[in-house]
C-alpha cells in the first residue's frame, strides 16, 4: 500500500514512538493522521493531525473513535504500558493492567477497526510488539507475557484479515530512546528510524519488522534450547 494520501490512526500518539509515527506519516505524505491518546489535549496539533480520545482499555472510547474515524486505511496499535514488577510479587491489578492494555486493548482496537479497513480497501494494521515478545529480562515478566500474547494475536489477525486485503505488520524492537527506556543504559534505537522502517514494510508488502540488531539476533535464536540450570 502507499502512505501518500493515506489516512492513519495511531494510538498512544502523544509521545515516544507514537509521536514519531505521527511525524513520519505526515512526512511521507499521509493526508490525515488521527492521533489518539487517553488525554487528547496532550496531542501536539499541527496541520493534518486530528486528536482523538482513546483509552484502549475503554470500549466506549474505542467504539466512539471507530464512529468518528470511518475513513482510516492504516491503524497503528502503539499504546502500551510497562510496569517493572517481579512476576510473583505483582498484585492482581498489576497482572491485569499490562494484559488489558498490551493485549486486550490491541485486540479491541483490531476488532473495532477491521471492518472499516475492509470497507476502505483493506489497508494496513500495525501492532507494536517488542523483542520481549520472545525473551524475559529481570522485571519484565508481565510485559513479556502481554507482548507474547500480542505477537500470537498479530499472527492470528494476519491470517484472519488476509481475505479482506488487510496487511498486518508486527513490529519487534529492543530499547528505544523514549521515556519507557529512559533509565536503560544500553544502546537505543531512534523512534523516528523505527517508524520509518514500519512505513517501508507497509509500502513493500512486509509482515514483520525486526527494527534493530537485538531483535534480529533473538528471532534467529528462537529454535535454540534454553540453558539448563542444575543445582550443585
C-alpha atoms as a PDB file:
ATOM      1  CA  UNK A   1       0.000   0.000   0.000  1.00  0.00           C
ATOM      2  CA  UNK A   2       1.003   3.636  -0.366  1.00  0.00           C
ATOM      3  CA  UNK A   3       1.493   6.001   2.558  1.00  0.00           C
ATOM      4  CA  UNK A   4       0.987   9.129   0.448  1.00  0.00           C
ATOM      5  CA  UNK A   5      -2.640  10.286   0.714  1.00  0.00           C
ATOM      6  CA  UNK A   6      -3.417   7.593   3.282  1.00  0.00           C
ATOM      7  CA  UNK A   7      -5.486   8.250   6.401  1.00  0.00           C
ATOM      8  CA  UNK A   8      -3.968   6.749   9.520  1.00  0.00           C
ATOM      9  CA  UNK A   9      -4.807   6.311  13.180  1.00  0.00           C
ATOM     10  CA  UNK A  10      -2.089   5.971  15.817  1.00  0.00           C
ATOM     11  CA  UNK A  11      -2.785   5.074  19.448  1.00  0.00           C
ATOM     12  CA  UNK A  12      -0.527   6.343  22.202  1.00  0.00           C
ATOM     13  CA  UNK A  13       0.345   9.194  19.863  1.00  0.00           C
ATOM     14  CA  UNK A  14       1.220  11.852  22.416  1.00  0.00           C
ATOM     15  CA  UNK A  15       4.845  10.799  22.997  1.00  0.00           C
ATOM     16  CA  UNK A  16       7.635   8.364  22.208  1.00  0.00           C
ATOM     17  CA  UNK A  17       7.162   6.021  19.286  1.00  0.00           C
ATOM     18  CA  UNK A  18       3.544   7.091  18.816  1.00  0.00           C
ATOM     19  CA  UNK A  19       4.577  10.699  18.278  1.00  0.00           C
ATOM     20  CA  UNK A  20       7.293   9.510  15.890  1.00  0.00           C
ATOM     21  CA  UNK A  21       4.703   7.581  13.861  1.00  0.00           C
ATOM     22  CA  UNK A  22       2.589  10.711  13.523  1.00  0.00           C
ATOM     23  CA  UNK A  23       5.579  12.712  12.294  1.00  0.00           C
ATOM     24  CA  UNK A  24       6.849  10.184   9.747  1.00  0.00           C
ATOM     25  CA  UNK A  25       3.343   9.566   8.399  1.00  0.00           C
ATOM     26  CA  UNK A  26       2.946  13.280   7.730  1.00  0.00           C
ATOM     27  CA  UNK A  27       6.465  13.489   6.290  1.00  0.00           C
ATOM     28  CA  UNK A  28       5.579  10.618   3.918  1.00  0.00           C
ATOM     29  CA  UNK A  29       2.507  12.433   2.638  1.00  0.00           C
ATOM     30  CA  UNK A  30      -0.355  10.989   4.677  1.00  0.00           C
ATOM     31  CA  UNK A  31      -3.475  13.063   4.106  1.00  0.00           C
ATOM     32  CA  UNK A  32      -4.610  12.897   7.727  1.00  0.00           C
ATOM     33  CA  UNK A  33      -3.471  11.283  10.959  1.00  0.00           C
ATOM     34  CA  UNK A  34      -5.836  10.625  13.820  1.00  0.00           C
ATOM     35  CA  UNK A  35      -3.539  10.992  16.833  1.00  0.00           C
ATOM     36  CA  UNK A  36      -5.127   9.123  19.728  1.00  0.00           C
ATOM     37  CA  UNK A  37      -4.350   9.344  23.425  1.00  0.00           C
ATOM     38  CA  UNK A  38      -6.170   8.982  26.718  1.00  0.00           C
ATOM     39  CA  UNK A  39      -5.924  12.767  27.017  1.00  0.00           C
ATOM     40  CA  UNK A  40      -6.345  14.302  23.549  1.00  0.00           C
ATOM     41  CA  UNK A  41      -5.203  17.670  24.903  1.00  0.00           C
ATOM     42  CA  UNK A  42      -1.724  16.157  25.174  1.00  0.00           C
ATOM     43  CA  UNK A  43      -1.550  15.807  21.370  1.00  0.00           C
ATOM     44  CA  UNK A  44       0.545  18.350  19.507  1.00  0.00           C
ATOM     45  CA  UNK A  45      -1.736  19.897  16.922  1.00  0.00           C
ATOM     46  CA  UNK A  46      -0.214  20.524  13.506  1.00  0.00           C
ATOM     47  CA  UNK A  47      -1.660  20.556  10.003  1.00  0.00           C
ATOM     48  CA  UNK A  48      -3.010  17.127   9.113  1.00  0.00           C
ATOM     49  CA  UNK A  49      -3.395  15.913  12.723  1.00  0.00           C
ATOM     50  CA  UNK A  50      -6.776  15.284  14.299  1.00  0.00           C
ATOM     51  CA  UNK A  51      -6.712  14.358  18.019  1.00  0.00           C
ATOM     52  CA  UNK A  52      -8.901  11.537  19.291  1.00  0.00           C
ATOM     53  CA  UNK A  53      -9.616  10.321  22.800  1.00  0.00           C
ATOM     54  CA  UNK A  54      -8.811   6.619  23.082  1.00  0.00           C
ATOM     55  CA  UNK A  55      -8.011   4.722  26.228  1.00  0.00           C
ATOM     56  CA  UNK A  56      -7.547   1.270  24.696  1.00  0.00           C
ATOM     57  CA  UNK A  57      -8.878  -0.358  27.874  1.00  0.00           C
ATOM     58  CA  UNK A  58     -12.168   1.539  27.474  1.00  0.00           C
ATOM     59  CA  UNK A  59     -14.517   0.003  24.932  1.00  0.00           C
ATOM     60  CA  UNK A  60     -16.685   3.129  24.824  1.00  0.00           C
ATOM     61  CA  UNK A  61     -13.683   5.195  23.731  1.00  0.00           C
ATOM     62  CA  UNK A  62     -12.835   2.670  21.027  1.00  0.00           C
ATOM     63  CA  UNK A  63     -16.411   2.486  19.742  1.00  0.00           C
ATOM     64  CA  UNK A  64     -16.694   6.288  19.628  1.00  0.00           C
ATOM     65  CA  UNK A  65     -13.369   6.551  17.788  1.00  0.00           C
ATOM     66  CA  UNK A  66     -14.469   3.982  15.192  1.00  0.00           C
ATOM     67  CA  UNK A  67     -17.592   6.046  14.571  1.00  0.00           C
ATOM     68  CA  UNK A  68     -15.513   9.215  14.165  1.00  0.00           C
ATOM     69  CA  UNK A  69     -12.664   7.835  12.041  1.00  0.00           C
ATOM     70  CA  UNK A  70     -14.571   5.923   9.386  1.00  0.00           C
ATOM     71  CA  UNK A  71     -12.111   6.923   6.645  1.00  0.00           C
ATOM     72  CA  UNK A  72      -8.974   5.227   8.028  1.00  0.00           C
ATOM     73  CA  UNK A  73      -6.922   2.807   5.976  1.00  0.00           C
ATOM     74  CA  UNK A  74      -3.972   2.424   8.368  1.00  0.00           C
ATOM     75  CA  UNK A  75      -4.302   1.602  12.073  1.00  0.00           C
ATOM     76  CA  UNK A  76      -1.185   1.533  14.256  1.00  0.00           C
ATOM     77  CA  UNK A  77      -1.722  -0.114  17.633  1.00  0.00           C
ATOM     78  CA  UNK A  78       1.084   1.551  19.558  1.00  0.00           C
ATOM     79  CA  UNK A  79      -0.424   2.234  23.002  1.00  0.00           C
ATOM     80  CA  UNK A  80       1.208   0.173  25.723  1.00  0.00           C
ATOM     81  CA  UNK A  81       2.399   0.161  29.307  1.00  0.00           C
ATOM     82  CA  UNK A  82       5.376  -1.350  31.117  1.00  0.00           C
ATOM     83  CA  UNK A  83       5.494  -1.952  34.861  1.00  0.00           C
ATOM     84  CA  UNK A  84       8.847  -3.358  36.034  1.00  0.00           C
ATOM     85  CA  UNK A  85       7.431  -5.702  38.660  1.00  0.00           C
ATOM     86  CA  UNK A  86       8.656  -9.210  39.583  1.00  0.00           C
ATOM     87  CA  UNK A  87       6.048 -11.735  38.498  1.00  0.00           C
ATOM     88  CA  UNK A  88       5.434 -13.411  41.842  1.00  0.00           C
ATOM     89  CA  UNK A  89       5.376 -10.100  43.717  1.00  0.00           C
ATOM     90  CA  UNK A  90       2.897  -8.415  41.381  1.00  0.00           C
ATOM     91  CA  UNK A  91      -0.593  -7.553  42.555  1.00  0.00           C
ATOM     92  CA  UNK A  92      -3.637  -8.795  40.685  1.00  0.00           C
ATOM     93  CA  UNK A  93      -4.135  -5.223  39.449  1.00  0.00           C
ATOM     94  CA  UNK A  94      -0.587  -5.152  38.057  1.00  0.00           C
ATOM     95  CA  UNK A  95      -1.081  -8.515  36.373  1.00  0.00           C
ATOM     96  CA  UNK A  96      -4.260  -7.382  34.646  1.00  0.00           C
ATOM     97  CA  UNK A  97      -3.142  -3.852  33.742  1.00  0.00           C
ATOM     98  CA  UNK A  98      -0.496  -4.875  31.209  1.00  0.00           C
ATOM     99  CA  UNK A  99      -2.633  -7.603  29.653  1.00  0.00           C
ATOM    100  CA  UNK A 100      -5.609  -5.246  29.433  1.00  0.00           C
ATOM    101  CA  UNK A 101      -3.557  -2.583  27.638  1.00  0.00           C
ATOM    102  CA  UNK A 102      -0.970  -4.504  25.636  1.00  0.00           C
ATOM    103  CA  UNK A 103      -3.099  -7.488  24.609  1.00  0.00           C
ATOM    104  CA  UNK A 104      -6.816  -6.888  25.124  1.00  0.00           C
ATOM    105  CA  UNK A 105      -6.511  -3.244  24.067  1.00  0.00           C
ATOM    106  CA  UNK A 106      -4.815  -4.262  20.826  1.00  0.00           C
ATOM    107  CA  UNK A 107      -7.490  -6.899  20.242  1.00  0.00           C
ATOM    108  CA  UNK A 108     -10.335  -4.458  20.923  1.00  0.00           C
ATOM    109  CA  UNK A 109      -8.877  -1.876  18.536  1.00  0.00           C
ATOM    110  CA  UNK A 110      -8.369  -4.503  15.847  1.00  0.00           C
ATOM    111  CA  UNK A 111     -11.918  -5.814  16.173  1.00  0.00           C
ATOM    112  CA  UNK A 112     -13.396  -2.310  16.005  1.00  0.00           C
ATOM    113  CA  UNK A 113     -11.368  -1.084  13.031  1.00  0.00           C
ATOM    114  CA  UNK A 114     -11.018  -4.208  10.881  1.00  0.00           C
ATOM    115  CA  UNK A 115     -14.465  -3.669   9.290  1.00  0.00           C
ATOM    116  CA  UNK A 116     -13.521  -0.064   8.449  1.00  0.00           C
ATOM    117  CA  UNK A 117     -10.244  -1.174   6.882  1.00  0.00           C
ATOM    118  CA  UNK A 118     -12.173  -3.705   4.786  1.00  0.00           C
ATOM    119  CA  UNK A 119     -14.644  -1.044   3.688  1.00  0.00           C
ATOM    120  CA  UNK A 120     -11.772   1.270   2.732  1.00  0.00           C
ATOM    121  CA  UNK A 121      -9.957  -1.231   0.541  1.00  0.00           C
ATOM    122  CA  UNK A 122      -8.078  -3.394   3.039  1.00  0.00           C
ATOM    123  CA  UNK A 123      -5.319  -1.086   4.187  1.00  0.00           C
ATOM    124  CA  UNK A 124      -2.821  -1.903   6.893  1.00  0.00           C
ATOM    125  CA  UNK A 125      -2.844  -2.848  10.565  1.00  0.00           C
ATOM    126  CA  UNK A 126       0.367  -2.454  12.584  1.00  0.00           C
ATOM    127  CA  UNK A 127       0.866  -3.925  16.045  1.00  0.00           C
ATOM    128  CA  UNK A 128       3.789  -2.619  18.073  1.00  0.00           C
ATOM    129  CA  UNK A 129       5.340  -5.615  19.791  1.00  0.00           C
ATOM    130  CA  UNK A 130       8.836  -5.990  21.281  1.00  0.00           C
ATOM    131  CA  UNK A 131      11.896  -8.200  21.406  1.00  0.00           C
ATOM    132  CA  UNK A 132      10.439  -9.006  24.830  1.00  0.00           C
ATOM    133  CA  UNK A 133       7.710 -10.916  22.994  1.00  0.00           C
ATOM    134  CA  UNK A 134      10.340 -13.672  22.891  1.00  0.00           C
ATOM    135  CA  UNK A 135      12.569 -13.233  25.949  1.00  0.00           C
ATOM    136  CA  UNK A 136      12.366 -12.158  29.564  1.00  0.00           C
ATOM    137  CA  UNK A 137      14.696  -9.829  31.422  1.00  0.00           C
ATOM    138  CA  UNK A 138      14.664  -9.146  35.170  1.00  0.00           C
ATOM    139  CA  UNK A 139      11.461  -7.288  35.980  1.00  0.00           C
ATOM    140  CA  UNK A 140       9.887  -7.701  32.526  1.00  0.00           C
ATOM    141  CA  UNK A 141       7.788 -10.827  33.107  1.00  0.00           C
ATOM    142  CA  UNK A 142       4.412  -9.062  32.971  1.00  0.00           C
ATOM    143  CA  UNK A 143       5.351  -7.036  29.900  1.00  0.00           C
ATOM    144  CA  UNK A 144       6.887 -10.041  28.142  1.00  0.00           C
ATOM    145  CA  UNK A 145       3.781 -12.159  28.764  1.00  0.00           C
ATOM    146  CA  UNK A 146       1.491  -9.446  27.382  1.00  0.00           C
ATOM    147  CA  UNK A 147       3.675  -8.879  24.319  1.00  0.00           C
ATOM    148  CA  UNK A 148       3.985 -12.629  23.675  1.00  0.00           C
ATOM    149  CA  UNK A 149       0.191 -12.788  23.666  1.00  0.00           C
ATOM    150  CA  UNK A 150       0.065  -9.771  21.338  1.00  0.00           C
ATOM    151  CA  UNK A 151       2.543 -11.480  18.984  1.00  0.00           C
ATOM    152  CA  UNK A 152       0.283 -14.525  18.802  1.00  0.00           C
ATOM    153  CA  UNK A 153      -2.701 -12.224  18.255  1.00  0.00           C
ATOM    154  CA  UNK A 154      -0.854 -10.475  15.421  1.00  0.00           C
ATOM    155  CA  UNK A 155      -0.167 -13.767  13.683  1.00  0.00           C
ATOM    156  CA  UNK A 156      -3.823 -14.754  14.025  1.00  0.00           C
ATOM    157  CA  UNK A 157      -5.031 -11.409  12.693  1.00  0.00           C
ATOM    158  CA  UNK A 158      -2.713 -11.741   9.703  1.00  0.00           C
ATOM    159  CA  UNK A 159      -4.478 -14.977   8.752  1.00  0.00           C
ATOM    160  CA  UNK A 160      -7.999 -13.816   9.508  1.00  0.00           C
ATOM    161  CA  UNK A 161      -7.722 -10.456   7.722  1.00  0.00           C
ATOM    162  CA  UNK A 162      -5.898 -11.688   4.625  1.00  0.00           C
ATOM    163  CA  UNK A 163      -9.178 -12.364   2.799  1.00  0.00           C
ATOM    164  CA  UNK A 164     -10.295  -8.742   3.191  1.00  0.00           C
ATOM    165  CA  UNK A 165      -6.964  -7.480   1.846  1.00  0.00           C
ATOM    166  CA  UNK A 166      -5.628  -6.068   5.128  1.00  0.00           C
ATOM    167  CA  UNK A 167      -1.854  -6.185   5.528  1.00  0.00           C
ATOM    168  CA  UNK A 168      -0.913  -6.982   9.144  1.00  0.00           C
ATOM    169  CA  UNK A 169       2.557  -5.961  10.304  1.00  0.00           C
ATOM    170  CA  UNK A 170       4.198  -6.840  13.622  1.00  0.00           C
ATOM    171  CA  UNK A 171       6.991  -4.593  14.883  1.00  0.00           C
ATOM    172  CA  UNK A 172       9.680  -6.047  17.140  1.00  0.00           C
ATOM    173  CA  UNK A 173      12.241  -3.686  18.611  1.00  0.00           C
ATOM    174  CA  UNK A 174      14.516  -3.557  21.643  1.00  0.00           C
ATOM    175  CA  UNK A 175      15.270  -0.432  23.619  1.00  0.00           C
ATOM    176  CA  UNK A 176      14.252   2.885  22.061  1.00  0.00           C
ATOM    177  CA  UNK A 177      15.135   6.416  23.091  1.00  0.00           C
ATOM    178  CA  UNK A 178      11.779   7.063  24.780  1.00  0.00           C
ATOM    179  CA  UNK A 179      10.510   7.692  28.309  1.00  0.00           C
ATOM    180  CA  UNK A 180       9.834   3.970  28.756  1.00  0.00           C
ATOM    181  CA  UNK A 181      13.563   3.199  28.482  1.00  0.00           C
ATOM    182  CA  UNK A 182      14.964   6.399  29.972  1.00  0.00           C
ATOM    183  CA  UNK A 183      16.719   4.534  32.800  1.00  0.00           C
ATOM    184  CA  UNK A 184      18.297   1.964  30.475  1.00  0.00           C
ATOM    185  CA  UNK A 185      21.992   2.419  29.719  1.00  0.00           C
ATOM    186  CA  UNK A 186      22.125   0.071  26.701  1.00  0.00           C
ATOM    187  CA  UNK A 187      22.167   1.329  23.083  1.00  0.00           C
ATOM    188  CA  UNK A 188      18.777   2.632  21.983  1.00  0.00           C
ATOM    189  CA  UNK A 189      17.097   2.985  18.602  1.00  0.00           C
ATOM    190  CA  UNK A 190      15.796   6.303  17.324  1.00  0.00           C
ATOM    191  CA  UNK A 191      11.966   6.142  17.304  1.00  0.00           C
ATOM    192  CA  UNK A 192      11.824   8.045  14.014  1.00  0.00           C
ATOM    193  CA  UNK A 193      14.036   5.430  12.357  1.00  0.00           C
ATOM    194  CA  UNK A 194      11.872   2.628  13.753  1.00  0.00           C
ATOM    195  CA  UNK A 195       8.696   4.295  12.474  1.00  0.00           C
ATOM    196  CA  UNK A 196      10.249   4.745   9.029  1.00  0.00           C
ATOM    197  CA  UNK A 197      11.074   1.031   8.890  1.00  0.00           C
ATOM    198  CA  UNK A 198       7.433   0.207   9.591  1.00  0.00           C
ATOM    199  CA  UNK A 199       6.164   2.512   6.836  1.00  0.00           C
ATOM    200  CA  UNK A 200       8.665   0.944   4.427  1.00  0.00           C
ATOM    201  CA  UNK A 201       7.308  -2.506   5.319  1.00  0.00           C
ATOM    202  CA  UNK A 202       3.754  -1.331   4.652  1.00  0.00           C
ATOM    203  CA  UNK A 203       4.738   0.002   1.248  1.00  0.00           C
ATOM    204  CA  UNK A 204       6.753  -3.121   0.386  1.00  0.00           C
ATOM    205  CA  UNK A 205       4.169  -5.681   1.462  1.00  0.00           C
ATOM    206  CA  UNK A 206       6.076  -6.800   4.565  1.00  0.00           C
ATOM    207  CA  UNK A 207       4.581  -8.626   7.519  1.00  0.00           C
ATOM    208  CA  UNK A 208       7.253  -8.253  10.185  1.00  0.00           C
ATOM    209  CA  UNK A 209       9.768  -5.568  11.119  1.00  0.00           C
ATOM    210  CA  UNK A 210      12.844  -6.520  13.142  1.00  0.00           C
ATOM    211  CA  UNK A 211      13.948  -2.979  13.787  1.00  0.00           C
ATOM    212  CA  UNK A 212      17.327  -3.489  15.423  1.00  0.00           C
ATOM    213  CA  UNK A 213      20.198  -5.935  15.777  1.00  0.00           C
ATOM    214  CA  UNK A 214      18.986  -7.395  19.056  1.00  0.00           C
ATOM    215  CA  UNK A 215      15.552  -8.214  17.603  1.00  0.00           C
ATOM    216  CA  UNK A 216      17.155  -9.916  14.618  1.00  0.00           C
ATOM    217  CA  UNK A 217      19.536 -11.907  16.845  1.00  0.00           C
ATOM    218  CA  UNK A 218      16.814 -13.036  19.232  1.00  0.00           C
ATOM    219  CA  UNK A 219      14.435 -14.020  16.419  1.00  0.00           C
ATOM    220  CA  UNK A 220      17.205 -16.033  14.758  1.00  0.00           C
ATOM    221  CA  UNK A 221      17.864 -17.871  18.015  1.00  0.00           C
ATOM    222  CA  UNK A 222      14.291 -18.855  18.857  1.00  0.00           C
ATOM    223  CA  UNK A 223      14.931 -22.508  17.998  1.00  0.00           C
ATOM    224  CA  UNK A 224      17.860 -22.753  20.435  1.00  0.00           C
ATOM    225  CA  UNK A 225      17.434 -24.796  23.579  1.00  0.00           C
ATOM    226  CA  UNK A 226      17.113 -22.738  26.782  1.00  0.00           C
ATOM    227  CA  UNK A 227      20.087 -23.110  29.117  1.00  0.00           C
ATOM    228  CA  UNK A 228      19.902 -25.776  31.810  1.00  0.00           C
ATOM    229  CA  UNK A 229      20.318 -24.645  35.414  1.00  0.00           C
ATOM    230  CA  UNK A 230      21.367 -27.620  37.530  1.00  0.00           C
ATOM    231  CA  UNK A 231      21.671 -27.305  41.281  1.00  0.00           C
ATOM    232  CA  UNK A 232      25.143 -28.022  42.598  1.00  0.00           C
END
